[in-house]
Amino acid sequence: NSYLVGEPATGYIVIDPGPADAEHLDKLWRAA
């Protein structure tokens, strides 16, 4: 589980980005 803490007005902190999986990381980036 990778977690995003925050909201658009504050920006985000990523907790545990996980393995170096390009698609997973891109989804994290887009969600933030």
PDB file of all heavy atoms in Angstrom:
ATOM      1  N   ASN A   1       0.836  -1.200   0.000  1.00  0.00           N
ATOM      2  CA  ASN A   1       0.000   0.000   0.000  1.00  0.00           C
ATOM      3  C   ASN A   1       0.870   1.248   0.000  1.00  0.00           C
ATOM      4  O   ASN A   1       1.647   1.474   0.929  1.00  0.00           O
ATOM      5  CB  ASN A   1      -0.906   0.035   1.230  1.00  0.00           C
ATOM      6  CG  ASN A   1      -1.957  -1.049   1.206  1.00  0.00           C
ATOM      7  OD1 ASN A   1      -2.403  -1.482   0.149  1.00  0.00           O
ATOM      8  ND2 ASN A   1      -2.367  -1.497   2.387  1.00  0.00           N
ATOM      9  N   SER A   2       0.728   2.060  -1.040  1.00  0.00           N
ATOM     10  CA  SER A   2       1.311   3.402  -1.054  1.00  0.00           C
ATOM     11  C   SER A   2       0.206   4.373  -0.641  1.00  0.00           C
ATOM     12  O   SER A   2      -0.928   4.253  -1.108  1.00  0.00           O
ATOM     13  CB  SER A   2       1.816   3.767  -2.448  1.00  0.00           C
ATOM     14  OG  SER A   2       2.833   2.879  -2.873  1.00  0.00           O
ATOM     15  N   TYR A   3       0.531   5.319   0.220  1.00  0.00           N
ATOM     16  CA  TYR A   3      -0.471   6.271   0.693  1.00  0.00           C
ATOM     17  C   TYR A   3      -0.117   7.679   0.243  1.00  0.00           C
ATOM     18  O   TYR A   3       1.068   8.077   0.215  1.00  0.00           O
ATOM     19  CB  TYR A   3      -0.556   6.245   2.223  1.00  0.00           C
ATOM     20  CG  TYR A   3      -1.140   4.968   2.772  1.00  0.00           C
ATOM     21  CD1 TYR A   3      -0.316   3.969   3.273  1.00  0.00           C
ATOM     22  CD2 TYR A   3      -2.518   4.761   2.790  1.00  0.00           C
ATOM     23  CE1 TYR A   3      -0.852   2.792   3.791  1.00  0.00           C
ATOM     24  CE2 TYR A   3      -3.065   3.587   3.306  1.00  0.00           C
ATOM     25  CZ  TYR A   3      -2.229   2.612   3.795  1.00  0.00           C
ATOM     26  OH  TYR A   3      -2.758   1.447   4.293  1.00  0.00           O
ATOM     27  N   LEU A   4      -1.154   8.442  -0.094  1.00  0.00           N
ATOM     28  CA  LEU A   4      -1.049   9.863  -0.364  1.00  0.00           C
ATOM     29  C   LEU A   4      -1.779  10.610   0.740  1.00  0.00           C
ATOM     30  O   LEU A   4      -2.981  10.402   0.949  1.00  0.00           O
ATOM     31  CB  LEU A   4      -1.679  10.200  -1.714  1.00  0.00           C
ATOM     32  CG  LEU A   4      -0.879   9.865  -2.973  1.00  0.00           C
ATOM     33  CD1 LEU A   4      -1.782   9.911  -4.181  1.00  0.00           C
ATOM     34  CD2 LEU A   4       0.284  10.840  -3.135  1.00  0.00           C
ATOM     35  N   VAL A   5      -1.061  11.453   1.471  1.00  0.00           N
ATOM     36  CA  VAL A   5      -1.660  12.279   2.513  1.00  0.00           C
ATOM     37  C   VAL A   5      -1.650  13.719   2.030  1.00  0.00           C
ATOM     38  O   VAL A   5      -0.607  14.232   1.595  1.00  0.00           O
ATOM     39  CB  VAL A   5      -0.878  12.149   3.836  1.00  0.00           C
ATOM     40  CG1 VAL A   5      -1.425  13.112   4.878  1.00  0.00           C
ATOM     41  CG2 VAL A   5      -0.929  10.719   4.346  1.00  0.00           C
ATOM     42  N   GLY A   6      -2.807  14.380   2.097  1.00  0.00           N
ATOM     43  CA  GLY A   6      -2.902  15.761   1.662  1.00  0.00           C
ATOM     44  C   GLY A   6      -4.111  15.981   0.779  1.00  0.00           C
ATOM     45  O   GLY A   6      -4.965  15.099   0.620  1.00  0.00           O
ATOM     46  N   GLU A   7      -4.189  17.141   0.204  1.00  0.00           N
ATOM     47  CA  GLU A   7      -5.278  17.479  -0.714  1.00  0.00           C
ATOM     48  C   GLU A   7      -4.769  18.553  -1.669  1.00  0.00           C
ATOM     49  O   GLU A   7      -3.671  19.091  -1.485  1.00  0.00           O
ATOM     50  CB  GLU A   7      -6.516  17.908   0.064  1.00  0.00           C
ATOM     51  CG  GLU A   7      -6.284  18.916   1.173  1.00  0.00           C
ATOM     52  CD  GLU A   7      -7.478  18.991   2.122  1.00  0.00           C
ATOM     53  OE1 GLU A   7      -8.609  19.125   1.636  1.00  0.00           O
ATOM     54  OE2 GLU A   7      -7.257  18.935   3.347  1.00  0.00           O
ATOM     55  N   PRO A   8      -5.529  18.868  -2.701  1.00  0.00           N
ATOM     56  CA  PRO A   8      -4.999  19.797  -3.709  1.00  0.00           C
ATOM     57  C   PRO A   8      -4.484  21.114  -3.155  1.00  0.00           C
ATOM     58  O   PRO A   8      -3.487  21.661  -3.650  1.00  0.00           O
ATOM     59  CB  PRO A   8      -6.203  20.013  -4.640  1.00  0.00           C
ATOM     60  CG  PRO A   8      -6.984  18.753  -4.526  1.00  0.00           C
ATOM     61  CD  PRO A   8      -6.835  18.314  -3.106  1.00  0.00           C
ATOM     62  N   ALA A   9      -5.125  21.637  -2.107  1.00  0.00           N
ATOM     63  CA  ALA A   9      -4.708  22.936  -1.565  1.00  0.00           C
ATOM     64  C   ALA A   9      -3.420  22.866  -0.757  1.00  0.00           C
ATOM     65  O   ALA A   9      -2.804  23.910  -0.493  1.00  0.00           O
ATOM     66  CB  ALA A   9      -5.833  23.521  -0.708  1.00  0.00           C
ATOM     67  N   THR A  10      -3.005  21.661  -0.350  1.00  0.00           N
ATOM     68  CA  THR A  10      -1.813  21.531   0.503  1.00  0.00           C
ATOM     69  C   THR A  10      -0.662  20.818  -0.187  1.00  0.00           C
ATOM     70  O   THR A  10       0.468  20.848   0.309  1.00  0.00           O
ATOM     71  CB  THR A  10      -2.141  20.747   1.787  1.00  0.00           C
ATOM     72  OG1 THR A  10      -2.515  19.396   1.436  1.00  0.00           O
ATOM     73  CG2 THR A  10      -3.283  21.399   2.553  1.00  0.00           C
ATOM     74  N   GLY A  11      -0.929  20.160  -1.309  1.00  0.00           N
ATOM     75  CA  GLY A  11       0.049  19.257  -1.856  1.00  0.00           C
ATOM     76  C   GLY A  11       0.032  17.946  -1.085  1.00  0.00           C
ATOM     77  O   GLY A  11      -0.761  17.781  -0.134  1.00  0.00           O
ATOM     78  N   TYR A  12       0.908  17.034  -1.459  1.00  0.00           N
ATOM     79  CA  TYR A  12       0.820  15.664  -0.937  1.00  0.00           C
ATOM     80  C   TYR A  12       2.164  15.149  -0.435  1.00  0.00           C
ATOM     81  O   TYR A  12       3.227  15.509  -0.951  1.00  0.00           O
ATOM     82  CB  TYR A  12       0.312  14.716  -2.027  1.00  0.00           C
ATOM     83  CG  TYR A  12      -1.097  15.019  -2.463  1.00  0.00           C
ATOM     84  CD1 TYR A  12      -1.334  15.969  -3.459  1.00  0.00           C
ATOM     85  CD2 TYR A  12      -2.184  14.389  -1.884  1.00  0.00           C
ATOM     86  CE1 TYR A  12      -2.627  16.264  -3.871  1.00  0.00           C
ATOM     87  CE2 TYR A  12      -3.485  14.669  -2.283  1.00  0.00           C
ATOM     88  CZ  TYR A  12      -3.692  15.616  -3.275  1.00  0.00           C
ATOM     89  OH  TYR A  12      -4.983  15.904  -3.665  1.00  0.00           O
ATOM     90  N   ILE A  13       2.065  14.274   0.570  1.00  0.00           N
ATOM     91  CA  ILE A  13       3.198  13.475   1.023  1.00  0.00           C
ATOM     92  C   ILE A  13       2.916  12.035   0.616  1.00  0.00           C
ATOM     93  O   ILE A  13       1.829  11.508   0.890  1.00  0.00           O
ATOM     94  CB  ILE A  13       3.388  13.560   2.550  1.00  0.00           C
ATOM     95  CG1 ILE A  13       3.760  14.985   2.958  1.00  0.00           C
ATOM     96  CG2 ILE A  13       4.453  12.577   3.025  1.00  0.00           C
ATOM     97  CD1 ILE A  13       3.838  15.195   4.473  1.00  0.00           C
ATOM     98  N   VAL A  14       3.859  11.392  -0.036  1.00  0.00           N
ATOM     99  CA  VAL A  14       3.740   9.985  -0.401  1.00  0.00           C
ATOM    100  C   VAL A  14       4.416   9.155   0.681  1.00  0.00           C
ATOM    101  O   VAL A  14       5.577   9.416   1.037  1.00  0.00           O
ATOM    102  CB  VAL A  14       4.379   9.695  -1.770  1.00  0.00           C
ATOM    103  CG1 VAL A  14       4.417   8.191  -2.035  1.00  0.00           C
ATOM    104  CG2 VAL A  14       3.623  10.409  -2.874  1.00  0.00           C
ATOM    105  N   ILE A  15       3.694   8.186   1.200  1.00  0.00           N
ATOM    106  CA  ILE A  15       4.262   7.249   2.173  1.00  0.00           C
ATOM    107  C   ILE A  15       4.422   5.894   1.485  1.00  0.00           C
ATOM    108  O   ILE A  15       3.444   5.324   0.992  1.00  0.00           O
ATOM    109  CB  ILE A  15       3.353   7.111   3.407  1.00  0.00           C
ATOM    110  CG1 ILE A  15       3.186   8.463   4.114  1.00  0.00           C
ATOM    111  CG2 ILE A  15       3.919   6.075   4.386  1.00  0.00           C
ATOM    112  CD1 ILE A  15       2.195   8.439   5.257  1.00  0.00           C
ATOM    113  N   ASP A  16       5.636   5.408   1.415  1.00  0.00           N
ATOM    114  CA  ASP A  16       5.981   4.128   0.783  1.00  0.00           C
ATOM    115  C   ASP A  16       5.601   4.096  -0.690  1.00  0.00           C
ATOM    116  O   ASP A  16       4.542   3.583  -1.081  1.00  0.00           O
ATOM    117  CB  ASP A  16       5.324   2.957   1.523  1.00  0.00           C
ATOM    118  CG  ASP A  16       6.056   2.582   2.794  1.00  0.00           C
ATOM    119  OD1 ASP A  16       7.259   2.911   2.906  1.00  0.00           O
ATOM    120  OD2 ASP A  16       5.453   1.964   3.681  1.00  0.00           O
ATOM    121  N   PRO A  17       6.475   4.626  -1.562  1.00  0.00           N
ATOM    122  CA  PRO A  17       6.193   4.583  -2.994  1.00  0.00           C
ATOM    123  C   PRO A  17       6.166   3.172  -3.564  1.00  0.00           C
ATOM    124  O   PRO A  17       5.617   2.952  -4.644  1.00  0.00           O
ATOM    125  CB  PRO A  17       7.327   5.403  -3.608  1.00  0.00           C
ATOM    126  CG  PRO A  17       8.416   5.365  -2.583  1.00  0.00           C
ATOM    127  CD  PRO A  17       7.732   5.312  -1.255  1.00  0.00           C
ATOM    128  N   GLY A  18       6.751   2.219  -2.818  1.00  0.00           N
ATOM    129  CA  GLY A  18       6.676   0.827  -3.252  1.00  0.00           C
ATOM    130  C   GLY A  18       7.797   0.439  -4.200  1.00  0.00           C
ATOM    131  O   GLY A  18       8.838   1.094  -4.261  1.00  0.00           O
ATOM    132  N   PRO A  19       7.595  -0.620  -4.961  1.00  0.00           N
ATOM    133  CA  PRO A  19       8.627  -1.067  -5.893  1.00  0.00           C
ATOM    134  C   PRO A  19       8.772  -0.083  -7.056  1.00  0.00           C
ATOM    135  O   PRO A  19       7.905   0.769  -7.283  1.00  0.00           O
ATOM    136  CB  PRO A  19       8.105  -2.426  -6.369  1.00  0.00           C
ATOM    137  CG  PRO A  19       6.611  -2.320  -6.236  1.00  0.00           C
ATOM    138  CD  PRO A  19       6.380  -1.464  -5.020  1.00  0.00           C
ATOM    139  N   ALA A  20       9.842  -0.240  -7.799  1.00  0.00           N
ATOM    140  CA  ALA A  20      10.101   0.648  -8.934  1.00  0.00           C
ATOM    141  C   ALA A  20       9.287   0.196 -10.142  1.00  0.00           C
ATOM    142  O   ALA A  20       9.823  -0.214 -11.173  1.00  0.00           O
ATOM    143  CB  ALA A  20      11.592   0.666  -9.257  1.00  0.00           C
ATOM    144  N   ASP A  21       7.980   0.284 -10.005  1.00  0.00           N
ATOM    145  CA  ASP A  21       7.055  -0.087 -11.060  1.00  0.00           C
ATOM    146  C   ASP A  21       6.563   1.199 -11.721  1.00  0.00           C
ATOM    147  O   ASP A  21       5.882   2.009 -11.101  1.00  0.00           O
ATOM    148  CB  ASP A  21       5.888  -0.874 -10.480  1.00  0.00           C
ATOM    149  CG  ASP A  21       4.900  -1.330 -11.528  1.00  0.00           C
ATOM    150  OD1 ASP A  21       4.117  -0.475 -12.000  1.00  0.00           O
ATOM    151  OD2 ASP A  21       4.891  -2.525 -11.876  1.00  0.00           O
ATOM    152  N   ALA A  22       6.924   1.402 -12.984  1.00  0.00           N
ATOM    153  CA  ALA A  22       6.670   2.679 -13.650  1.00  0.00           C
ATOM    154  C   ALA A  22       5.189   3.035 -13.684  1.00  0.00           C
ATOM    155  O   ALA A  22       4.810   4.194 -13.442  1.00  0.00           O
ATOM    156  CB  ALA A  22       7.247   2.643 -15.067  1.00  0.00           C
ATOM    157  N   GLU A  23       4.338   2.079 -13.963  1.00  0.00           N
ATOM    158  CA  GLU A  23       2.910   2.370 -14.041  1.00  0.00           C
ATOM    159  C   GLU A  23       2.353   2.750 -12.673  1.00  0.00           C
ATOM    160  O   GLU A  23       1.548   3.674 -12.550  1.00  0.00           O
ATOM    161  CB  GLU A  23       2.156   1.161 -14.610  1.00  0.00           C
ATOM    162  CG  GLU A  23       2.418   0.917 -16.085  1.00  0.00           C
ATOM    163  CD  GLU A  23       1.506  -0.150 -16.654  1.00  0.00           C
ATOM    164  OE1 GLU A  23       0.547  -0.552 -15.966  1.00  0.00           O
ATOM    165  OE2 GLU A  23       1.756  -0.589 -17.793  1.00  0.00           O
ATOM    166  N   HIS A  24       2.769   2.019 -11.653  1.00  0.00           N
ATOM    167  CA  HIS A  24       2.313   2.331 -10.292  1.00  0.00           C
ATOM    168  C   HIS A  24       2.741   3.738  -9.892  1.00  0.00           C
ATOM    169  O   HIS A  24       1.930   4.525  -9.362  1.00  0.00           O
ATOM    170  CB  HIS A  24       2.884   1.299  -9.323  1.00  0.00           C
ATOM    171  CG  HIS A  24       2.616   1.598  -7.872  1.00  0.00           C
ATOM    172  ND1 HIS A  24       1.362   1.511  -7.323  1.00  0.00           N
ATOM    173  CD2 HIS A  24       3.447   2.012  -6.867  1.00  0.00           C
ATOM    174  CE1 HIS A  24       1.415   1.832  -6.035  1.00  0.00           C
ATOM    175  NE2 HIS A  24       2.670   2.144  -5.743  1.00  0.00           N
ATOM    176  N   LEU A  25       3.979   4.085 -10.168  1.00  0.00           N
ATOM    177  CA  LEU A  25       4.482   5.404  -9.783  1.00  0.00           C
ATOM    178  C   LEU A  25       3.801   6.511 -10.580  1.00  0.00           C
ATOM    179  O   LEU A  25       3.522   7.592 -10.049  1.00  0.00           O
ATOM    180  CB  LEU A  25       5.996   5.447  -9.972  1.00  0.00           C
ATOM    181  CG  LEU A  25       6.783   4.443  -9.116  1.00  0.00           C
ATOM    182  CD1 LEU A  25       8.262   4.463  -9.480  1.00  0.00           C
ATOM    183  CD2 LEU A  25       6.598   4.736  -7.634  1.00  0.00           C
ATOM    184  N   ASP A  26       3.501   6.250 -11.832  1.00  0.00           N
ATOM    185  CA  ASP A  26       2.794   7.243 -12.634  1.00  0.00           C
ATOM    186  C   ASP A  26       1.392   7.496 -12.088  1.00  0.00           C
ATOM    187  O   ASP A  26       0.915   8.639 -12.053  1.00  0.00           O
ATOM    188  CB  ASP A  26       2.715   6.779 -14.092  1.00  0.00           C
ATOM    189  CG  ASP A  26       2.090   7.831 -14.994  1.00  0.00           C
ATOM    190  OD1 ASP A  26       2.689   8.919 -15.131  1.00  0.00           O
ATOM    191  OD2 ASP A  26       0.985   7.584 -15.527  1.00  0.00           O
ATOM    192  N   LYS A  27       0.735   6.418 -11.636  1.00  0.00           N
ATOM    193  CA  LYS A  27      -0.601   6.582 -11.048  1.00  0.00           C
ATOM    194  C   LYS A  27      -0.526   7.382  -9.749  1.00  0.00           C
ATOM    195  O   LYS A  27      -1.422   8.197  -9.462  1.00  0.00           O
ATOM    196  CB  LYS A  27      -1.232   5.210 -10.803  1.00  0.00           C
ATOM    197  CG  LYS A  27      -1.587   4.466 -12.093  1.00  0.00           C
ATOM    198  CD  LYS A  27      -1.941   3.011 -11.808  1.00  0.00           C
ATOM    199  CE  LYS A  27      -2.120   2.246 -13.114  1.00  0.00           C
ATOM    200  NZ  LYS A  27      -2.284   0.794 -12.889  1.00  0.00           N
ATOM    201  N   LEU A  28       0.512   7.156  -8.958  1.00  0.00           N
ATOM    202  CA  LEU A  28       0.703   7.951  -7.741  1.00  0.00           C
ATOM    203  C   LEU A  28       0.870   9.425  -8.090  1.00  0.00           C
ATOM    204  O   LEU A  28       0.251  10.311  -7.480  1.00  0.00           O
ATOM    205  CB  LEU A  28       1.940   7.462  -6.980  1.00  0.00           C
ATOM    206  CG  LEU A  28       1.789   6.390  -5.905  1.00  0.00           C
ATOM    207  CD1 LEU A  28       3.157   6.052  -5.331  1.00  0.00           C
ATOM    208  CD2 LEU A  28       0.852   6.843  -4.796  1.00  0.00           C
ATOM    209  N   TRP A  29       1.719   9.678  -9.063  1.00  0.00           N
ATOM    210  CA  TRP A  29       1.998  11.056  -9.470  1.00  0.00           C
ATOM    211  C   TRP A  29       0.726  11.735  -9.961  1.00  0.00           C
ATOM    212  O   TRP A  29       0.442  12.881  -9.611  1.00  0.00           O
ATOM    213  CB  TRP A  29       3.077  11.030 -10.554  1.00  0.00           C
ATOM    214  CG  TRP A  29       3.475  12.384 -11.053  1.00  0.00           C
ATOM    215  CD1 TRP A  29       4.391  13.236 -10.490  1.00  0.00           C
ATOM    216  CD2 TRP A  29       2.970  13.051 -12.211  1.00  0.00           C
ATOM    217  NE1 TRP A  29       4.500  14.391 -11.225  1.00  0.00           N
ATOM    218  CE2 TRP A  29       3.630  14.305 -12.291  1.00  0.00           C
ATOM    219  CE3 TRP A  29       2.042  12.726 -13.187  1.00  0.00           C
ATOM    220  CZ2 TRP A  29       3.380  15.225 -13.311  1.00  0.00           C
ATOM    221  CZ3 TRP A  29       1.793  13.639 -14.208  1.00  0.00           C
ATOM    222  CH2 TRP A  29       2.439  14.862 -14.269  1.00  0.00           C
ATOM    223  N   ARG A  30      -0.046  11.033 -10.771  1.00  0.00           N
ATOM    224  CA  ARG A  30      -1.287  11.604 -11.307  1.00  0.00           C
ATOM    225  C   ARG A  30      -2.324  11.832 -10.204  1.00  0.00           C
ATOM    226  O   ARG A  30      -3.054  12.825 -10.223  1.00  0.00           O
ATOM    227  CB  ARG A  30      -1.851  10.710 -12.403  1.00  0.00           C
ATOM    228  CG  ARG A  30      -0.989  10.673 -13.659  1.00  0.00           C
ATOM    229  CD  ARG A  30      -1.599   9.811 -14.763  1.00  0.00           C
ATOM    230  NE  ARG A  30      -0.706   9.735 -15.899  1.00  0.00           N
ATOM    231  CZ  ARG A  30      -0.590  10.683 -16.827  1.00  0.00           C
ATOM    232  NH1 ARG A  30      -1.339  11.790 -16.740  1.00  0.00           N
ATOM    233  NH2 ARG A  30       0.243  10.552 -17.828  1.00  0.00           N
ATOM    234  N   ALA A  31      -2.400  10.899  -9.249  1.00  0.00           N
ATOM    235  CA  ALA A  31      -3.357  11.061  -8.149  1.00  0.00           C
ATOM    236  C   ALA A  31      -3.047  12.307  -7.327  1.00  0.00           C
ATOM    237  O   ALA A  31      -3.956  12.924  -6.750  1.00  0.00           O
ATOM    238  CB  ALA A  31      -3.343   9.832  -7.256  1.00  0.00           C
ATOM    239  N   ALA A  32      -1.779  12.691  -7.281  1.00  0.00           N
ATOM    240  CA  ALA A  32      -1.370  13.893  -6.551  1.00  0.00           C
ATOM    241  C   ALA A  32      -1.377  15.128  -7.440  1.00  0.00           C
ATOM    242  O   ALA A  32      -0.993  16.219  -6.974  1.00  0.00           O
ATOM    243  CB  ALA A  32       0.023  13.690  -5.962  1.00  0.00           C
TER     244      ALA A  32
END
